[in-house]
Amino acid sequence: MLTHDRLIRLCNARNALRVTGEAALSIDEIAQAAAMSRFHFVRQFKALFGETPVQLRTKARLDEARHHLIFSDAPITEICMAVGFSSLGSFSTLFSSRFGRSPSQFREALSHVPEQVYPDCLSVLRAAWEAGAQNSRSEEHTD
């Protein structure tokens, strides 16, 4: 049974899982803070949020990497390591799976958006829209 106290602890755990980089706590540490064994924590977390703690952490890392690709000129390998991935190959594969293109293709697509015309948030929205339009156009040609 999910009590109010356990719900609060699981929500706090979800917030802790979204922290990337060196400040990120391990799954065991987060489960301990939630007053559960690791295995019970994973089961309860998945039942409540529909994904495992590892899946949520991976999404958070990929989202942070996308943010760095948009707003910094740091090398992709550096971004990969900074958000907590240890393998550039697996990072690139996961990024491609989540965002439809490799990190380098994603950054290249952003270079075609004139940033001086749009405020930062609109630049990101426009780049995302254009990337989605390009993906849908390329999908239409694969049939």
Protein backbone atom coordinates (compact mmCIF):
# COMPACT_ATOMS: atom_id res chain seq x y z
CA MET A 1 0.00 0.00 0.00
CA LEU A 2 1.27 3.44 -0.92
CA THR A 3 1.10 5.76 2.05
CA HIS A 4 1.37 9.54 1.91
CA ASP A 5 4.80 9.37 3.57
CA ARG A 6 6.07 6.82 1.05
CA LEU A 7 4.70 8.91 -1.84
CA ILE A 8 6.65 11.93 -0.56
CA ARG A 9 9.83 9.86 -0.21
CA LEU A 10 9.46 8.48 -3.74
CA CYS A 11 8.87 11.96 -5.17
CA ASN A 12 11.97 13.21 -3.35
CA ALA A 13 13.87 10.24 -4.76
CA ARG A 14 12.69 11.13 -8.27
CA ASN A 15 14.06 14.65 -7.79
CA ALA A 16 17.37 13.25 -6.54
CA LEU A 17 17.60 10.96 -9.59
CA ARG A 18 17.38 13.96 -11.91
CA VAL A 19 20.68 15.34 -10.55
CA THR A 20 23.49 14.65 -13.02
CA GLY A 21 27.26 14.73 -12.89
CA GLU A 22 29.45 14.30 -9.84
CA ALA A 23 26.75 15.50 -7.41
CA ALA A 24 24.49 12.57 -8.33
CA LEU A 25 23.82 10.06 -5.57
CA SER A 26 23.87 6.34 -6.30
CA ILE A 27 20.63 4.38 -6.55
CA ASP A 28 21.55 2.65 -3.28
CA GLU A 29 22.00 5.99 -1.50
CA ILE A 30 18.68 7.28 -2.82
CA ALA A 31 16.90 4.06 -1.82
CA GLN A 32 18.41 4.35 1.66
CA ALA A 33 17.22 7.97 1.94
CA ALA A 34 13.75 6.75 0.94
CA ALA A 35 13.97 4.17 3.78
CA MET A 36 13.67 1.18 1.44
CA SER A 37 15.88 -1.63 0.24
CA ARG A 38 17.19 -1.10 -3.28
CA PHE A 39 14.95 -3.81 -4.74
CA HIS A 40 11.79 -2.62 -2.98
CA PHE A 41 12.62 0.95 -3.99
CA VAL A 42 12.97 -0.03 -7.67
CA ARG A 43 9.65 -1.95 -7.61
CA GLN A 44 7.78 0.86 -5.86
CA PHE A 45 9.33 3.52 -8.09
CA LYS A 46 8.41 1.70 -11.29
CA ALA A 47 4.87 1.03 -10.07
CA LEU A 48 4.37 4.72 -9.28
CA PHE A 49 6.20 6.45 -12.15
CA GLY A 50 6.10 3.83 -14.92
CA GLU A 51 9.87 3.63 -15.33
CA THR A 52 12.80 2.40 -13.30
CA PRO A 53 15.14 4.75 -11.46
CA VAL A 54 17.88 3.94 -13.99
CA GLN A 55 15.60 4.83 -16.91
CA LEU A 56 14.67 8.16 -15.31
CA ARG A 57 18.33 8.95 -14.55
CA THR A 58 19.33 8.14 -18.14
CA LYS A 59 16.64 10.48 -19.49
CA ALA A 60 17.79 13.23 -17.13
CA ARG A 61 21.40 12.80 -18.28
CA LEU A 62 20.37 12.92 -21.93
CA ASP A 63 18.26 16.03 -21.35
CA GLU A 64 21.20 17.70 -19.60
CA ALA A 65 23.49 16.72 -22.48
CA ARG A 66 21.03 18.22 -24.96
CA HIS A 67 21.04 21.44 -22.93
CA HIS A 68 24.86 21.54 -23.09
CA LEU A 69 24.84 20.89 -26.83
CA ILE A 70 22.48 23.82 -27.33
CA PHE A 71 24.08 26.33 -25.00
CA SER A 72 27.79 25.50 -24.98
CA ASP A 73 30.61 24.83 -27.38
CA ALA A 74 32.09 22.07 -25.22
CA PRO A 75 33.28 18.97 -27.08
CA ILE A 76 30.76 16.15 -27.21
CA THR A 77 33.08 13.79 -25.32
CA GLU A 78 33.38 16.33 -22.51
CA ILE A 79 29.60 16.72 -22.35
CA CYS A 80 29.19 12.94 -22.32
CA MET A 81 31.47 12.59 -19.30
CA ALA A 82 30.12 15.68 -17.51
CA VAL A 83 26.56 14.34 -17.41
CA GLY A 84 27.64 10.94 -16.10
CA PHE A 85 28.16 8.63 -19.08
CA SER A 86 31.40 6.70 -19.25
CA SER A 87 31.14 5.52 -22.86
CA LEU A 88 30.84 7.89 -25.81
CA GLY A 89 29.41 5.07 -27.94
CA SER A 90 26.56 4.21 -25.58
CA PHE A 91 25.90 7.92 -24.99
CA SER A 92 25.63 8.56 -28.73
CA THR A 93 23.36 5.54 -29.24
CA LEU A 94 21.05 6.54 -26.38
CA PHE A 95 21.01 10.19 -27.50
CA SER A 96 20.12 9.15 -31.06
CA SER A 97 17.37 6.90 -29.78
CA ARG A 98 15.85 9.67 -27.62
CA PHE A 99 16.25 12.67 -29.94
CA GLY A 100 16.31 11.15 -33.42
CA ARG A 101 19.85 12.13 -34.33
CA SER A 102 23.37 11.76 -33.00
CA PRO A 103 24.81 14.46 -30.74
CA SER A 104 26.95 15.83 -33.58
CA GLN A 105 23.98 15.88 -35.99
CA PHE A 106 21.88 17.58 -33.31
CA ARG A 107 24.50 20.28 -32.81
CA GLU A 108 24.94 20.71 -36.57
CA ALA A 109 21.18 21.25 -37.00
CA LEU A 110 21.32 23.98 -34.36
CA SER A 111 24.06 25.81 -36.23
CA HIS A 112 21.57 26.65 -38.99
CA VAL A 113 19.26 28.60 -36.65
CA PRO A 114 20.05 32.34 -36.54
CA GLU A 115 20.24 32.93 -32.77
CA GLN A 116 20.44 36.72 -33.02
CA VAL A 117 16.90 36.84 -34.43
CA TYR A 118 15.25 34.94 -31.56
CA PRO A 119 15.54 35.03 -27.76
CA ASP A 120 17.14 31.89 -26.29
CA CYS A 121 13.90 30.06 -25.48
CA LEU A 122 12.47 30.71 -28.94
CA SER A 123 15.73 29.59 -30.56
CA VAL A 124 15.45 26.27 -28.75
CA LEU A 125 11.80 25.86 -29.72
CA ARG A 126 12.53 26.74 -33.34
CA ALA A 127 15.48 24.32 -33.49
CA ALA A 128 13.37 21.55 -31.96
CA TRP A 129 10.53 22.26 -34.40
CA GLU A 130 12.88 22.25 -37.38
CA ALA A 131 14.56 19.06 -36.18
CA GLY A 132 11.14 17.43 -35.86
CA ALA A 133 10.12 18.64 -39.32
CA GLN A 134 13.32 17.27 -40.83
CA ASN A 135 12.82 13.92 -39.06
CA SER A 136 9.23 13.62 -40.30
CA ARG A 137 10.31 14.53 -43.85
CA SER A 138 13.05 11.89 -43.79
CA GLU A 139 10.57 9.32 -42.42
CA GLU A 140 8.18 10.05 -45.31
CA HIS A 141 10.91 9.18 -47.81
CA THR A 142 11.75 5.82 -46.18
CA ASP A 143 8.49 4.14 -47.24
